[in-house]
Amino acid sequence: MSIRTLLAAICLASLSGQAVADNASSLPPMHFLSSVASDELYTALKANPAFGDLDKEALGSPIALLVTHSLRPTAAGKATGLLSAITTGVTLGLLPVVTNNSLAVTYSVRVNGKDVATYTYERTFTRAINIWANKNDTTHGLGQEGLDWVKSTASNFAKDASADSKLADLKHEYDFYFGAQAKN
């Protein structure tokens, strides 16, 4: 009977160790805010186990993941945009507007409003836009290529965040005060 008890104890210990190991890779609960493709990025990040506790409804949470974007014309894009706008205006919108913009997506993990970790991903896009056909744009004004790239930054951020020592320290501190060890 003592061997059965020992085996049961080993099984329970290994199962509880697995649960702790799975939870150890998860970051603390965070409020999620995004200025671009909010639903798409939220879904992509929630699919990663490290962001399992990410929540759009965690208003008042001291820890937040803020995703912002900026879209700026490149140097060549300013000249191209001006000439393109003139030709589009002269043809009453028959010719598309051509833009060349630099899109930057920034992920900031903040605790009580202070940045703990920030990652920025940047790429340049050239688009031809018909001014009459974009009334129901489901790509948030980025075009399909731009939206696909923005969604891909979520996996890049998840990979970078998993290797960030500041976020590991944040997780350790959170677990110290609010983890299973603190409750005992």
Protein backbone atom coordinates (compact mmCIF):
# COMPACT_ATOMS: atom_id res chain seq x y z
CA MET A 1 0.00 0.00 0.00
CA SER A 2 2.87 2.40 0.62
CA ILE A 3 4.10 1.89 -2.98
CA ARG A 4 0.65 2.90 -4.28
CA THR A 5 0.70 5.96 -2.09
CA LEU A 6 4.19 6.82 -3.29
CA LEU A 7 3.21 6.38 -6.96
CA ALA A 8 0.09 8.50 -6.45
CA ALA A 9 2.17 11.21 -4.79
CA ILE A 10 4.70 11.16 -7.66
CA CYS A 11 1.90 11.39 -10.25
CA LEU A 12 0.25 14.29 -8.44
CA ALA A 13 3.56 16.08 -8.01
CA SER A 14 4.41 15.72 -11.69
CA LEU A 15 0.94 16.95 -12.72
CA SER A 16 1.08 19.96 -10.42
CA GLY A 17 4.62 20.70 -11.63
CA GLN A 18 3.34 20.65 -15.21
CA ALA A 19 0.59 23.13 -14.35
CA VAL A 20 3.12 25.44 -12.70
CA ALA A 21 5.46 25.13 -15.68
CA ASP A 22 2.64 25.99 -18.12
CA ASN A 23 1.60 28.97 -16.01
CA ALA A 24 5.21 30.12 -15.62
CA SER A 25 5.41 31.04 -19.30
CA SER A 26 2.24 33.14 -19.08
CA LEU A 27 2.57 36.88 -18.53
CA PRO A 28 0.45 38.62 -15.87
CA PRO A 29 -3.10 39.69 -16.76
CA MET A 30 -3.01 42.81 -18.95
CA HIS A 31 -5.51 45.26 -20.36
CA PHE A 32 -5.30 45.35 -24.18
CA LEU A 33 -5.68 48.55 -26.20
CA SER A 34 -4.92 49.00 -29.90
CA SER A 35 -5.20 51.85 -32.40
CA VAL A 36 -5.16 49.52 -35.43
CA ALA A 37 -6.71 46.13 -36.24
CA SER A 38 -7.69 45.65 -32.61
CA ASP A 39 -9.72 42.47 -33.03
CA GLU A 40 -7.18 40.82 -35.33
CA LEU A 41 -4.21 41.57 -33.06
CA TYR A 42 -6.12 40.57 -29.93
CA THR A 43 -7.03 37.20 -31.47
CA ALA A 44 -3.45 36.61 -32.66
CA LEU A 45 -1.95 37.45 -29.26
CA LYS A 46 -4.53 35.43 -27.28
CA ALA A 47 -3.53 32.37 -29.36
CA ASN A 48 -0.06 32.59 -27.77
CA PRO A 49 0.07 30.93 -24.31
CA ALA A 50 2.14 33.81 -22.88
CA PHE A 51 -0.79 36.18 -23.49
CA GLY A 52 -3.55 33.89 -22.23
CA ASP A 53 -4.58 36.45 -19.59
CA LEU A 54 -4.78 39.36 -22.06
CA ASP A 55 -8.18 41.06 -21.75
CA LYS A 56 -9.90 43.94 -23.55
CA GLU A 57 -12.28 44.40 -20.62
CA ALA A 58 -9.70 44.65 -17.81
CA LEU A 59 -10.30 48.35 -17.30
CA GLY A 60 -8.32 49.73 -14.40
CA SER A 61 -5.65 47.05 -14.61
CA PRO A 62 -2.25 48.48 -13.65
CA ILE A 63 -0.61 46.43 -16.42
CA ALA A 64 -1.54 47.26 -20.02
CA LEU A 65 -0.43 46.28 -23.50
CA LEU A 66 -0.81 49.30 -25.76
CA VAL A 67 -0.48 48.84 -29.53
CA THR A 68 -0.16 52.04 -31.55
CA HIS A 69 0.59 52.73 -35.17
CA SER A 70 1.85 55.58 -37.29
CA LEU A 71 1.62 55.95 -41.03
CA ARG A 72 3.98 58.52 -42.53
CA PRO A 73 4.78 59.24 -46.16
CA THR A 74 8.33 58.47 -47.19
CA ALA A 75 10.44 61.17 -48.86
CA ALA A 76 9.59 59.79 -52.30
CA GLY A 77 6.03 59.22 -51.15
CA LYS A 78 5.44 62.94 -50.64
CA ALA A 79 6.28 63.77 -54.25
CA THR A 80 4.44 60.72 -55.57
CA GLY A 81 1.41 61.50 -53.44
CA LEU A 82 1.23 65.11 -54.59
CA LEU A 83 1.49 64.21 -58.29
CA SER A 84 -0.93 61.34 -57.84
CA ALA A 85 -3.45 63.55 -56.03
CA ILE A 86 -3.31 66.09 -58.86
CA THR A 87 -3.87 63.45 -61.58
CA THR A 88 -6.65 61.82 -59.55
CA GLY A 89 -8.36 65.18 -59.07
CA VAL A 90 -8.04 66.13 -62.75
CA THR A 91 -9.58 62.80 -63.84
CA LEU A 92 -12.33 63.11 -61.18
CA GLY A 93 -11.13 59.95 -59.46
CA LEU A 94 -10.83 57.71 -62.51
CA LEU A 95 -7.11 57.21 -61.86
CA PRO A 96 -6.13 55.86 -58.44
CA VAL A 97 -4.14 57.71 -55.82
CA VAL A 98 -0.70 56.17 -55.35
CA THR A 99 0.82 56.36 -51.87
CA ASN A 100 4.18 55.30 -50.50
CA ASN A 101 4.05 55.23 -46.70
CA SER A 102 6.10 53.94 -43.83
CA LEU A 103 3.94 52.01 -41.34
CA ALA A 104 5.24 51.56 -37.80
CA VAL A 105 3.49 49.38 -35.19
CA THR A 106 4.61 49.83 -31.58
CA TYR A 107 3.84 47.42 -28.74
CA SER A 108 4.27 48.92 -25.25
CA VAL A 109 3.84 47.03 -22.00
CA ARG A 110 3.05 49.60 -19.32
CA VAL A 111 2.76 49.31 -15.57
CA ASN A 112 0.96 52.20 -13.90
CA GLY A 113 1.48 54.27 -17.05
CA LYS A 114 5.25 53.72 -17.26
CA ASP A 115 6.85 51.79 -20.11
CA VAL A 116 8.41 48.49 -19.08
CA ALA A 117 9.10 47.17 -22.58
CA THR A 118 8.58 48.68 -26.02
CA TYR A 119 8.99 47.05 -29.43
CA THR A 120 8.54 48.79 -32.79
CA TYR A 121 8.19 47.07 -36.15
CA GLU A 122 8.36 49.14 -39.34
CA ARG A 123 7.78 48.53 -43.04
CA THR A 124 7.22 50.61 -46.18
CA PHE A 125 4.18 50.04 -48.41
CA THR A 126 3.16 51.36 -51.81
CA ARG A 127 -0.56 51.31 -52.58
CA ALA A 128 -2.86 52.38 -55.38
CA ILE A 129 -6.20 53.49 -53.93
CA ASN A 130 -9.38 54.15 -55.86
CA ILE A 131 -11.09 56.98 -54.00
CA TRP A 132 -14.57 55.77 -54.98
CA ALA A 133 -14.16 52.08 -54.08
CA ASN A 134 -12.95 52.28 -50.46
CA LYS A 135 -16.20 53.05 -48.68
CA ASN A 136 -16.34 49.70 -46.82
CA ASP A 137 -12.65 49.05 -46.29
CA THR A 138 -12.20 46.05 -43.98
CA THR A 139 -8.42 46.49 -43.93
CA HIS A 140 -8.50 49.60 -41.69
CA GLY A 141 -7.06 51.70 -44.53
CA LEU A 142 -3.90 49.58 -44.73
CA GLY A 143 -4.69 47.42 -47.74
CA GLN A 144 -4.62 43.63 -47.55
CA GLU A 145 -0.80 43.47 -47.63
CA GLY A 146 -0.54 46.04 -44.83
CA LEU A 147 -3.15 44.31 -42.67
CA ASP A 148 -1.44 40.93 -43.13
CA TRP A 149 1.86 42.50 -42.09
CA VAL A 150 0.31 44.15 -39.02
CA LYS A 151 -1.14 40.77 -37.97
CA SER A 152 2.29 39.17 -38.43
CA THR A 153 3.82 41.64 -35.96
CA ALA A 154 1.82 39.97 -33.18
CA SER A 155 3.88 36.77 -33.48
CA ASN A 156 7.09 38.81 -33.71
CA PHE A 157 6.14 40.67 -30.54
CA ALA A 158 5.21 37.45 -28.72
CA LYS A 159 8.61 35.98 -29.59
CA ASP A 160 10.46 39.14 -28.52
CA ALA A 161 8.42 39.46 -25.32
CA SER A 162 9.16 35.88 -24.30
CA ALA A 163 12.90 36.66 -24.38
CA ASP A 164 12.63 40.05 -22.61
CA SER A 165 14.25 40.07 -19.17
CA LYS A 166 12.15 43.05 -18.01
CA LEU A 167 8.93 41.18 -18.73
CA ALA A 168 10.32 38.10 -17.00
CA ASP A 169 11.05 40.28 -13.95
CA LEU A 170 7.51 41.67 -14.14
CA LYS A 171 6.09 38.13 -14.21
CA HIS A 172 8.30 37.11 -11.28
CA GLU A 173 7.18 40.11 -9.21
CA TYR A 174 3.54 39.53 -10.10
CA ASP A 175 3.82 35.87 -9.06
CA PHE A 176 5.52 36.88 -5.80
CA TYR A 177 2.58 39.07 -4.78
CA PHE A 178 -0.37 37.41 -6.53
CA GLY A 179 0.73 33.90 -7.56
CA ALA A 180 -0.13 30.56 -5.98
CA GLN A 181 2.93 30.81 -3.69
CA ALA A 182 1.67 34.11 -2.21
CA LYS A 183 -1.69 32.58 -1.26
CA ASN A 184 -0.09 29.91 0.94
